[in-house]
């Protein structure tokens, strides 16, 4: 029995749909969204983490603390207050024991610097409070390094060591217009820092 033309077309469309679905499912399982994850040292020192990314996108470096710590306290510990204003009063009795400076490198070239005090927004999960430190564009086929310098001894804090994480912002793809130009990467990092 010979299949009618409409049935053949239907089978081909169904097969293509299944292949596309399987391809996307496999890609979603293998693509890393978290590219760096390491504990904050509870003592002074410098740590660095090398990482690569699986696809071009905007990535975020954040600090993850236990959700039981109030957001204001976490912000104060990271140095997120100015000498004046409401946060200065809230942070009056909270030392900046977790404050750090950071620098991002791409292929060994500096791309951006800042401190944890220049933080962005916060968000909660079931177990953690995530505080955004910086967002930056990253491209596959490049080696990135995040270097963090901690100046204070935080070993007296009675909390689980926070974690620094680098991850992809879901749904926010980024395409560099001037491919391979480090100056454009620096400009893009600077622009993203100023917007946060």
N, C-alpha and C. Protein backbone atom coordinates (compact mmCIF):
# COMPACT_ATOMS: atom_id res chain seq x y z
N UNK A 1 0.85 -1.17 0.00
CA UNK A 1 0.00 0.00 0.00
C UNK A 1 0.89 1.24 0.00
N UNK A 2 0.57 2.10 -0.90
CA UNK A 2 1.35 3.32 -1.07
C UNK A 2 0.70 4.43 -0.24
N UNK A 3 1.57 5.21 0.48
CA UNK A 3 1.07 6.32 1.30
C UNK A 3 0.73 7.51 0.42
N UNK A 4 -0.36 8.18 0.75
CA UNK A 4 -0.69 9.39 -0.01
C UNK A 4 0.35 10.48 0.25
N UNK A 5 0.43 11.42 -0.64
CA UNK A 5 1.42 12.52 -0.56
C UNK A 5 1.29 13.31 0.74
N UNK A 6 0.06 13.58 1.18
CA UNK A 6 -0.17 14.34 2.42
C UNK A 6 0.39 13.57 3.62
N UNK A 7 0.25 12.25 3.64
CA UNK A 7 0.77 11.44 4.75
C UNK A 7 2.29 11.50 4.77
N UNK A 8 2.91 11.44 3.59
CA UNK A 8 4.38 11.52 3.52
C UNK A 8 4.87 12.87 4.06
N UNK A 9 4.20 13.94 3.65
CA UNK A 9 4.58 15.28 4.12
C UNK A 9 4.39 15.36 5.64
N UNK A 10 3.32 14.80 6.14
CA UNK A 10 3.06 14.79 7.58
C UNK A 10 4.13 14.05 8.34
N UNK A 11 4.58 12.90 7.81
CA UNK A 11 5.64 12.13 8.46
C UNK A 11 6.96 12.90 8.46
N UNK A 12 7.28 13.57 7.37
CA UNK A 12 8.52 14.35 7.28
C UNK A 12 8.48 15.51 8.28
N UNK A 13 7.37 16.23 8.34
CA UNK A 13 7.23 17.37 9.27
C UNK A 13 7.34 16.87 10.71
N UNK A 14 6.71 15.75 11.02
CA UNK A 14 6.78 15.18 12.37
C UNK A 14 8.21 14.78 12.71
N UNK A 15 8.91 14.14 11.79
CA UNK A 15 10.30 13.73 12.02
C UNK A 15 11.20 14.94 12.24
N UNK A 16 11.02 15.99 11.44
CA UNK A 16 11.81 17.21 11.60
C UNK A 16 11.52 17.84 12.97
N UNK A 17 10.27 17.88 13.37
CA UNK A 17 9.89 18.43 14.67
C UNK A 17 10.53 17.67 15.81
N UNK A 18 10.51 16.34 15.74
CA UNK A 18 11.12 15.50 16.78
C UNK A 18 12.63 15.74 16.83
N UNK A 19 13.27 15.84 15.67
CA UNK A 19 14.72 16.09 15.64
C UNK A 19 15.06 17.46 16.24
N UNK A 20 14.28 18.46 15.92
CA UNK A 20 14.52 19.79 16.50
C UNK A 20 14.33 19.75 18.01
N UNK A 21 13.26 19.10 18.46
CA UNK A 21 13.01 18.98 19.89
C UNK A 21 14.17 18.27 20.59
N UNK A 22 14.63 17.16 20.05
CA UNK A 22 15.74 16.41 20.65
C UNK A 22 17.03 17.24 20.65
N UNK A 23 17.27 17.97 19.57
CA UNK A 23 18.47 18.80 19.50
C UNK A 23 18.47 19.88 20.57
N UNK A 24 17.34 20.54 20.75
CA UNK A 24 17.24 21.58 21.78
C UNK A 24 17.36 20.96 23.17
N UNK A 25 16.73 19.81 23.39
CA UNK A 25 16.80 19.15 24.70
C UNK A 25 18.23 18.76 25.04
N UNK A 26 18.95 18.23 24.08
CA UNK A 26 20.35 17.85 24.32
C UNK A 26 21.20 19.08 24.58
N UNK A 27 21.00 20.13 23.80
CA UNK A 27 21.75 21.36 24.01
C UNK A 27 21.48 21.94 25.40
N UNK A 28 20.21 21.95 25.83
CA UNK A 28 19.85 22.48 27.15
C UNK A 28 20.51 21.68 28.27
N UNK A 29 20.66 20.39 28.08
CA UNK A 29 21.29 19.54 29.10
C UNK A 29 22.80 19.76 29.16
N UNK A 30 23.43 20.09 28.03
CA UNK A 30 24.89 20.19 28.00
C UNK A 30 25.41 21.61 28.15
N UNK A 31 24.61 22.62 27.89
CA UNK A 31 25.06 24.01 27.99
C UNK A 31 25.12 24.40 29.47
N UNK A 32 26.26 24.94 29.87
CA UNK A 32 26.42 25.38 31.26
C UNK A 32 25.87 26.79 31.41
N UNK A 33 25.05 27.00 32.42
CA UNK A 33 24.61 28.35 32.73
C UNK A 33 25.41 28.92 33.89
N UNK A 34 25.97 28.07 34.74
CA UNK A 34 26.86 28.51 35.81
C UNK A 34 28.28 28.19 35.38
N UNK A 35 29.10 29.23 35.20
CA UNK A 35 30.45 29.03 34.68
C UNK A 35 31.52 29.14 35.77
N UNK A 36 31.17 29.67 36.92
CA UNK A 36 32.11 29.75 38.04
C UNK A 36 31.30 29.67 39.33
N UNK A 37 31.85 28.98 40.31
CA UNK A 37 31.17 28.84 41.60
C UNK A 37 32.22 28.48 42.63
N UNK A 38 32.50 29.38 43.56
CA UNK A 38 33.53 29.11 44.57
C UNK A 38 33.20 29.85 45.86
N UNK A 39 33.65 29.30 47.00
CA UNK A 39 33.34 29.93 48.27
C UNK A 39 34.16 31.20 48.50
N UNK A 40 33.56 32.14 49.22
CA UNK A 40 34.28 33.35 49.62
C UNK A 40 35.24 32.94 50.73
N UNK A 41 36.52 33.29 50.62
CA UNK A 41 37.44 32.97 51.71
C UNK A 41 37.08 33.83 52.92
N UNK A 42 37.14 33.28 54.08
CA UNK A 42 36.77 34.03 55.28
C UNK A 42 38.02 34.67 55.91
N UNK A 43 39.04 34.88 55.10
CA UNK A 43 40.29 35.49 55.56
C UNK A 43 40.83 36.37 54.45
N UNK A 44 41.73 37.32 54.76
CA UNK A 44 42.28 38.19 53.71
C UNK A 44 43.05 37.37 52.67
N UNK A 45 42.98 37.81 51.44
CA UNK A 45 43.72 37.14 50.38
C UNK A 45 43.10 37.39 49.02
N UNK A 46 43.78 36.92 48.00
CA UNK A 46 43.31 37.07 46.62
C UNK A 46 43.03 35.70 46.06
N UNK A 47 41.88 35.56 45.43
CA UNK A 47 41.56 34.32 44.75
C UNK A 47 41.22 34.65 43.30
N UNK A 48 41.48 33.70 42.42
CA UNK A 48 41.10 33.91 41.02
C UNK A 48 40.49 32.62 40.49
N UNK A 49 39.57 32.79 39.59
CA UNK A 49 38.88 31.67 38.98
C UNK A 49 38.88 31.85 37.47
N UNK A 50 39.44 30.88 36.76
CA UNK A 50 39.41 30.88 35.31
C UNK A 50 38.13 30.19 34.86
N UNK A 51 37.55 30.68 33.77
CA UNK A 51 36.35 30.04 33.24
C UNK A 51 36.21 30.34 31.75
N UNK A 52 35.44 29.52 31.09
CA UNK A 52 35.06 29.73 29.69
C UNK A 52 33.54 29.68 29.65
N UNK A 53 32.98 30.12 28.55
CA UNK A 53 31.52 30.08 28.40
C UNK A 53 31.18 29.26 27.17
N UNK A 54 29.97 28.70 27.17
CA UNK A 54 29.54 27.84 26.08
C UNK A 54 28.89 28.60 24.93
N UNK A 55 28.43 29.82 25.20
CA UNK A 55 27.80 30.61 24.14
C UNK A 55 27.88 32.09 24.50
N UNK A 56 27.76 32.95 23.50
CA UNK A 56 27.84 34.39 23.67
C UNK A 56 26.59 34.86 24.42
N UNK A 57 26.80 35.60 25.50
CA UNK A 57 25.66 36.09 26.29
C UNK A 57 26.16 37.09 27.30
N UNK A 58 25.23 37.66 28.05
CA UNK A 58 25.60 38.51 29.18
C UNK A 58 25.60 37.61 30.41
N UNK A 59 26.69 37.64 31.14
CA UNK A 59 26.85 36.84 32.34
C UNK A 59 26.90 37.77 33.55
N UNK A 60 26.56 37.25 34.70
CA UNK A 60 26.52 38.03 35.93
C UNK A 60 27.38 37.36 36.98
N UNK A 61 28.13 38.18 37.72
CA UNK A 61 28.85 37.69 38.89
C UNK A 61 28.05 38.14 40.11
N UNK A 62 27.71 37.20 40.96
CA UNK A 62 26.92 37.54 42.14
C UNK A 62 27.50 36.87 43.37
N UNK A 63 27.09 37.36 44.53
CA UNK A 63 27.45 36.74 45.80
C UNK A 63 26.18 36.10 46.35
N UNK A 64 26.30 34.86 46.74
CA UNK A 64 25.16 34.10 47.24
C UNK A 64 25.36 33.88 48.73
N UNK A 65 24.41 34.36 49.54
CA UNK A 65 24.48 34.18 51.00
C UNK A 65 23.26 33.42 51.47
N UNK A 66 23.34 32.90 52.68
CA UNK A 66 22.24 32.18 53.30
C UNK A 66 21.01 33.09 53.38
N UNK A 67 19.87 32.57 53.01
CA UNK A 67 18.65 33.38 52.99
C UNK A 67 18.25 33.89 54.37
N UNK A 68 18.72 33.25 55.43
CA UNK A 68 18.38 33.67 56.79
C UNK A 68 19.06 34.99 57.16
N UNK A 69 20.05 35.42 56.39
CA UNK A 69 20.71 36.70 56.65
C UNK A 69 19.87 37.79 55.97
N UNK A 70 19.47 38.81 56.72
CA UNK A 70 18.69 39.89 56.09
C UNK A 70 19.47 40.56 54.97
N UNK A 71 18.76 41.00 53.94
CA UNK A 71 19.40 41.63 52.78
C UNK A 71 20.21 42.85 53.18
N UNK A 72 19.72 43.63 54.13
CA UNK A 72 20.45 44.82 54.58
C UNK A 72 21.78 44.42 55.23
N UNK A 73 21.76 43.38 56.07
CA UNK A 73 23.00 42.92 56.72
C UNK A 73 23.99 42.41 55.67
N UNK A 74 23.51 41.62 54.71
CA UNK A 74 24.39 41.11 53.66
C UNK A 74 25.00 42.27 52.88
N UNK A 75 24.19 43.25 52.55
CA UNK A 75 24.68 44.43 51.83
C UNK A 75 25.74 45.16 52.65
N UNK A 76 25.51 45.30 53.94
CA UNK A 76 26.50 45.97 54.81
C UNK A 76 27.80 45.18 54.87
N UNK A 77 27.72 43.86 55.00
CA UNK A 77 28.92 43.03 55.06
C UNK A 77 29.76 43.15 53.79
N UNK A 78 29.07 43.34 52.64
CA UNK A 78 29.76 43.48 51.36
C UNK A 78 30.22 44.92 51.10
N UNK A 79 29.93 45.83 52.03
CA UNK A 79 30.37 47.21 51.88
C UNK A 79 29.41 48.07 51.10
N UNK A 80 28.19 47.61 50.91
CA UNK A 80 27.23 48.30 50.06
C UNK A 80 26.51 49.45 50.72
N UNK A 81 27.25 50.41 51.21
CA UNK A 81 26.61 51.60 51.77
C UNK A 81 27.51 52.80 51.55
N UNK A 82 26.91 53.96 51.59
CA UNK A 82 27.65 55.21 51.44
C UNK A 82 27.74 55.85 52.82
N UNK A 83 28.67 56.77 53.03
CA UNK A 83 28.82 57.39 54.35
C UNK A 83 27.58 58.13 54.83
N UNK A 84 26.69 58.49 53.92
CA UNK A 84 25.48 59.21 54.31
C UNK A 84 24.26 58.40 53.88
N UNK A 85 23.11 58.74 54.43
CA UNK A 85 21.87 58.09 54.01
C UNK A 85 21.42 56.99 54.94
N UNK A 86 20.29 56.36 54.55
CA UNK A 86 19.67 55.33 55.39
C UNK A 86 20.56 54.11 55.58
N UNK A 87 21.26 53.68 54.51
CA UNK A 87 22.12 52.50 54.62
C UNK A 87 23.27 52.75 55.59
N UNK A 88 23.76 53.98 55.66
CA UNK A 88 24.85 54.29 56.60
C UNK A 88 24.38 54.04 58.02
N UNK A 89 23.15 54.43 58.32
CA UNK A 89 22.61 54.19 59.66
C UNK A 89 22.40 52.70 59.89
N UNK A 90 21.87 52.00 58.90
CA UNK A 90 21.62 50.56 59.03
C UNK A 90 22.92 49.79 59.19
N UNK A 91 23.99 50.28 58.59
CA UNK A 91 25.27 49.58 58.60
C UNK A 91 26.22 50.07 59.70
N UNK A 92 25.75 50.96 60.54
CA UNK A 92 26.61 51.59 61.54
C UNK A 92 27.34 50.56 62.41
N UNK A 93 26.66 49.49 62.79
CA UNK A 93 27.25 48.49 63.68
C UNK A 93 27.64 47.20 62.96
N UNK A 94 27.63 47.22 61.64
CA UNK A 94 27.99 46.02 60.86
C UNK A 94 29.27 46.29 60.08
N UNK A 95 30.36 45.61 60.44
CA UNK A 95 31.61 45.83 59.71
C UNK A 95 31.55 45.25 58.30
N UNK A 96 32.33 45.81 57.41
CA UNK A 96 32.36 45.37 56.00
C UNK A 96 33.33 44.21 55.82
N UNK A 97 33.12 43.14 56.56
CA UNK A 97 34.07 42.03 56.60
C UNK A 97 34.14 41.23 55.30
N UNK A 98 33.11 41.28 54.48
CA UNK A 98 33.12 40.51 53.22
C UNK A 98 33.37 41.37 52.00
N UNK A 99 33.66 42.64 52.18
CA UNK A 99 33.90 43.53 51.05
C UNK A 99 35.13 43.06 50.27
N UNK A 100 35.04 43.13 48.95
CA UNK A 100 36.16 42.73 48.11
C UNK A 100 36.23 43.61 46.88
N UNK A 101 37.40 43.65 46.28
CA UNK A 101 37.55 44.30 44.98
C UNK A 101 37.68 43.19 43.94
N UNK A 102 37.26 43.48 42.73
CA UNK A 102 37.30 42.46 41.68
C UNK A 102 37.89 43.05 40.41
N UNK A 103 38.41 42.17 39.58
CA UNK A 103 38.90 42.54 38.26
C UNK A 103 38.59 41.39 37.32
N UNK A 104 38.09 41.72 36.14
CA UNK A 104 37.80 40.72 35.11
C UNK A 104 38.84 40.81 34.01
N UNK A 105 39.27 39.65 33.52
CA UNK A 105 40.23 39.57 32.42
C UNK A 105 39.64 38.70 31.33
N UNK A 106 39.94 39.04 30.08
CA UNK A 106 39.61 38.18 28.95
C UNK A 106 40.90 37.93 28.19
N UNK A 107 41.26 36.68 28.07
CA UNK A 107 42.51 36.28 27.39
C UNK A 107 43.70 37.04 27.96
N UNK A 108 43.71 37.25 29.29
CA UNK A 108 44.83 37.90 29.95
C UNK A 108 44.79 39.41 29.95
N UNK A 109 43.85 40.01 29.24
CA UNK A 109 43.74 41.47 29.16
C UNK A 109 42.66 41.97 30.11
N UNK A 110 42.97 43.02 30.88
CA UNK A 110 42.01 43.57 31.83
C UNK A 110 40.77 44.08 31.12
N UNK A 111 39.61 43.85 31.71
CA UNK A 111 38.37 44.28 31.10
C UNK A 111 37.50 45.14 31.98
N UNK A 112 37.62 45.03 33.28
CA UNK A 112 36.81 45.83 34.17
C UNK A 112 37.21 45.61 35.61
N UNK A 113 36.96 46.61 36.45
CA UNK A 113 37.27 46.52 37.88
C UNK A 113 36.13 47.12 38.67
N UNK A 114 36.09 46.80 39.94
CA UNK A 114 35.08 47.36 40.81
C UNK A 114 35.20 46.76 42.20
N UNK A 115 34.20 47.02 43.02
CA UNK A 115 34.16 46.44 44.36
C UNK A 115 32.77 45.88 44.62
N UNK A 116 32.69 45.07 45.65
CA UNK A 116 31.39 44.50 46.03
C UNK A 116 30.45 45.59 46.55
N UNK A 117 30.99 46.73 46.93
CA UNK A 117 30.16 47.84 47.41
C UNK A 117 29.31 48.43 46.29
N UNK A 118 29.70 48.24 45.04
CA UNK A 118 28.98 48.77 43.88
C UNK A 118 27.99 47.74 43.38
N UNK A 119 27.23 47.17 44.27
CA UNK A 119 26.35 46.05 43.92
C UNK A 119 25.09 46.51 43.22
N UNK A 120 24.50 45.55 42.55
CA UNK A 120 23.25 45.80 41.86
C UNK A 120 22.08 45.29 42.67
N UNK A 121 21.13 44.65 42.01
CA UNK A 121 19.92 44.20 42.68
C UNK A 121 20.13 42.89 43.43
N UNK A 122 19.15 42.54 44.24
CA UNK A 122 19.17 41.30 45.01
C UNK A 122 17.96 40.47 44.62
N UNK A 123 18.10 39.16 44.74
CA UNK A 123 16.96 38.27 44.51
C UNK A 123 17.06 37.08 45.45
N UNK A 124 15.93 36.49 45.76
CA UNK A 124 15.87 35.37 46.68
C UNK A 124 15.56 34.08 45.93
N UNK A 125 16.15 32.99 46.40
CA UNK A 125 15.72 31.66 46.00
C UNK A 125 15.19 31.00 47.27
N UNK A 126 14.90 29.71 47.22
CA UNK A 126 14.39 29.03 48.41
C UNK A 126 15.41 29.05 49.55
N UNK A 127 16.70 28.97 49.22
CA UNK A 127 17.72 28.84 50.26
C UNK A 127 18.70 30.00 50.32
N UNK A 128 18.74 30.86 49.31
CA UNK A 128 19.79 31.87 49.26
C UNK A 128 19.26 33.26 48.90
N UNK A 129 20.09 34.22 49.20
CA UNK A 129 19.93 35.60 48.74
C UNK A 129 21.07 35.83 47.76
N UNK A 130 20.77 36.20 46.53
CA UNK A 130 21.78 36.47 45.50
C UNK A 130 21.90 37.97 45.31
N UNK A 131 23.12 38.50 45.45
CA UNK A 131 23.37 39.92 45.28
C UNK A 131 24.26 40.10 44.06
N UNK A 132 23.76 40.79 43.04
CA UNK A 132 24.50 41.01 41.80
C UNK A 132 25.64 42.00 42.05
N UNK A 133 26.83 41.63 41.58
CA UNK A 133 27.99 42.50 41.69
C UNK A 133 28.27 43.17 40.35
N UNK A 134 28.28 42.41 39.26
CA UNK A 134 28.55 42.98 37.94
C UNK A 134 27.97 42.07 36.86
N UNK A 135 27.55 42.67 35.76
CA UNK A 135 27.15 41.94 34.57
C UNK A 135 28.14 42.28 33.46
N UNK A 136 28.46 41.30 32.63
CA UNK A 136 29.46 41.53 31.59
C UNK A 136 29.18 40.64 30.38
N UNK A 137 29.52 41.13 29.19
CA UNK A 137 29.36 40.31 28.00
C UNK A 137 30.50 39.31 27.90
N UNK A 138 30.20 38.09 27.50
CA UNK A 138 31.23 37.07 27.32
C UNK A 138 30.96 36.31 26.03
N UNK A 139 32.05 35.89 25.39
CA UNK A 139 31.96 35.16 24.13
C UNK A 139 32.65 33.82 24.28
N UNK A 140 32.10 32.82 23.60
CA UNK A 140 32.76 31.52 23.61
C UNK A 140 34.12 31.64 22.91
N UNK A 141 34.97 30.67 23.12
CA UNK A 141 36.32 30.62 22.56
C UNK A 141 37.26 31.66 23.16
N UNK A 142 36.93 32.17 24.34
CA UNK A 142 37.83 33.07 25.07
C UNK A 142 37.98 32.54 26.48
N UNK A 143 39.12 32.84 27.10
CA UNK A 143 39.36 32.45 28.49
C UNK A 143 39.17 33.67 29.37
N UNK A 144 38.33 33.55 30.39
CA UNK A 144 38.05 34.64 31.31
C UNK A 144 38.63 34.30 32.68
N UNK A 145 39.00 35.34 33.41
CA UNK A 145 39.47 35.18 34.79
C UNK A 145 38.80 36.24 35.64
N UNK A 146 38.24 35.81 36.75
CA UNK A 146 37.71 36.73 37.76
C UNK A 146 38.69 36.69 38.92
N UNK A 147 39.25 37.84 39.26
CA UNK A 147 40.20 37.93 40.37
C UNK A 147 39.55 38.77 41.47
N UNK A 148 39.47 38.21 42.67
CA UNK A 148 38.83 38.88 43.80
C UNK A 148 39.83 39.03 44.93
N UNK A 149 39.88 40.24 45.51
CA UNK A 149 40.81 40.52 46.61
C UNK A 149 40.01 40.88 47.85
N UNK A 150 40.21 40.09 48.90
CA UNK A 150 39.54 40.30 50.18
C UNK A 150 40.55 40.87 51.16
N UNK A 151 40.19 41.97 51.86
CA UNK A 151 41.11 42.64 52.77
C UNK A 151 40.85 42.34 54.24
N UNK A 152 39.67 41.87 54.58
CA UNK A 152 39.28 41.69 55.97
C UNK A 152 39.27 40.22 56.38
N UNK A 153 39.42 40.00 57.69
CA UNK A 153 39.30 38.67 58.26
C UNK A 153 37.84 38.50 58.70
N UNK A 154 37.13 37.62 58.05
CA UNK A 154 35.71 37.41 58.35
C UNK A 154 35.49 36.10 59.09
N UNK A 155 36.55 35.52 59.61
CA UNK A 155 36.43 34.21 60.27
C UNK A 155 35.59 34.27 61.54
N UNK A 156 35.37 35.47 62.11
CA UNK A 156 34.56 35.60 63.32
C UNK A 156 33.06 35.60 63.01
N UNK A 157 32.69 35.74 61.75
CA UNK A 157 31.27 35.72 61.40
C UNK A 157 30.69 34.33 61.61
N UNK A 158 29.52 34.29 62.17
CA UNK A 158 28.84 33.02 62.42
C UNK A 158 27.86 32.74 61.29
N UNK A 159 28.41 32.44 60.13
CA UNK A 159 27.56 32.12 58.98
C UNK A 159 28.32 31.22 58.03
N UNK A 160 27.57 30.51 57.23
CA UNK A 160 28.19 29.69 56.19
C UNK A 160 28.91 30.62 55.22
N UNK A 161 30.09 30.24 54.75
CA UNK A 161 30.77 31.12 53.79
C UNK A 161 29.90 31.35 52.56
N UNK A 162 29.71 32.62 52.19
CA UNK A 162 28.98 32.92 50.95
C UNK A 162 29.73 32.34 49.75
N UNK A 163 29.08 32.31 48.63
CA UNK A 163 29.68 31.81 47.39
C UNK A 163 29.65 32.90 46.34
N UNK A 164 30.66 32.95 45.51
CA UNK A 164 30.68 33.83 44.35
C UNK A 164 30.34 32.96 43.16
N UNK A 165 29.37 33.41 42.37
CA UNK A 165 28.92 32.63 41.21
C UNK A 165 28.92 33.49 39.97
N UNK A 166 29.29 32.89 38.87
CA UNK A 166 29.17 33.53 37.57
C UNK A 166 28.18 32.71 36.76
N UNK A 167 27.17 33.36 36.22
CA UNK A 167 26.17 32.60 35.48
C UNK A 167 25.56 33.44 34.38
N UNK A 168 24.93 32.76 33.44
CA UNK A 168 24.28 33.38 32.29
C UNK A 168 22.93 33.94 32.71
N UNK A 169 22.65 35.16 32.30
CA UNK A 169 21.32 35.73 32.53
C UNK A 169 20.37 35.13 31.50
N UNK A 170 19.48 34.30 31.93
CA UNK A 170 18.58 33.60 31.01
C UNK A 170 17.81 34.59 30.14
N UNK A 171 17.78 34.29 28.86
CA UNK A 171 16.99 35.08 27.93
C UNK A 171 17.65 36.37 27.47
N UNK A 172 18.85 36.69 27.96
CA UNK A 172 19.48 37.95 27.54
C UNK A 172 20.75 37.63 26.74
N UNK A 173 20.58 37.35 25.49
CA UNK A 173 21.72 37.08 24.60
C UNK A 173 22.40 38.39 24.25
N UNK A 174 23.67 38.33 23.97
CA UNK A 174 24.43 39.53 23.66
C UNK A 174 25.31 39.25 22.47
N UNK A 175 25.37 40.16 21.54
CA UNK A 175 26.22 39.97 20.37
C UNK A 175 27.12 41.19 20.25
N UNK A 176 28.43 40.96 20.34
CA UNK A 176 29.38 42.06 20.19
C UNK A 176 29.42 42.50 18.73
N UNK A 177 29.30 43.79 18.51
CA UNK A 177 29.31 44.30 17.15
C UNK A 177 30.71 44.29 16.55
N UNK A 178 31.70 44.61 17.36
CA UNK A 178 33.08 44.61 16.86
C UNK A 178 33.78 43.37 17.38
N UNK A 179 33.62 42.29 16.69
CA UNK A 179 34.14 41.00 17.13
C UNK A 179 35.65 41.05 17.29
N UNK A 180 36.10 40.56 18.45
CA UNK A 180 37.52 40.44 18.71
C UNK A 180 38.19 41.71 19.18
N UNK A 181 37.51 42.81 19.22
CA UNK A 181 38.15 44.06 19.66
C UNK A 181 38.06 44.17 21.16
N UNK A 182 39.19 44.09 21.84
CA UNK A 182 39.20 44.14 23.30
C UNK A 182 38.66 45.47 23.79
N UNK A 183 38.95 46.55 23.07
CA UNK A 183 38.45 47.84 23.53
C UNK A 183 36.94 47.84 23.58
N UNK A 184 36.28 47.16 22.64
CA UNK A 184 34.82 47.12 22.68
C UNK A 184 34.36 46.30 23.87
N UNK A 185 35.09 45.26 24.23
CA UNK A 185 34.73 44.47 25.41
C UNK A 185 34.84 45.34 26.66
N UNK A 186 35.92 46.10 26.77
CA UNK A 186 36.09 47.00 27.92
C UNK A 186 34.96 48.02 27.96
N UNK A 187 34.62 48.60 26.80
CA UNK A 187 33.55 49.58 26.73
C UNK A 187 32.22 48.95 27.15
N UNK A 188 31.95 47.73 26.66
CA UNK A 188 30.70 47.06 26.99
C UNK A 188 30.63 46.75 28.49
N UNK A 189 31.75 46.30 29.09
CA UNK A 189 31.77 46.03 30.53
C UNK A 189 31.54 47.33 31.29
N UNK A 190 32.22 48.40 30.89
CA UNK A 190 32.04 49.69 31.57
C UNK A 190 30.61 50.18 31.47
N UNK A 191 29.98 50.04 30.29
CA UNK A 191 28.62 50.47 30.10
C UNK A 191 27.67 49.67 30.99
N UNK A 192 27.88 48.36 31.06
CA UNK A 192 27.02 47.53 31.89
C UNK A 192 27.19 47.86 33.37
N UNK A 193 28.43 48.17 33.80
CA UNK A 193 28.67 48.53 35.19
C UNK A 193 27.96 49.82 35.52
N UNK A 194 28.03 50.80 34.64
CA UNK A 194 27.39 52.09 34.91
C UNK A 194 25.87 51.98 34.92
N UNK A 195 25.30 51.00 34.22
CA UNK A 195 23.85 50.85 34.18
C UNK A 195 23.31 50.14 35.42
N UNK A 196 24.18 49.39 36.15
CA UNK A 196 23.65 48.64 37.30
C UNK A 196 23.50 49.48 38.52
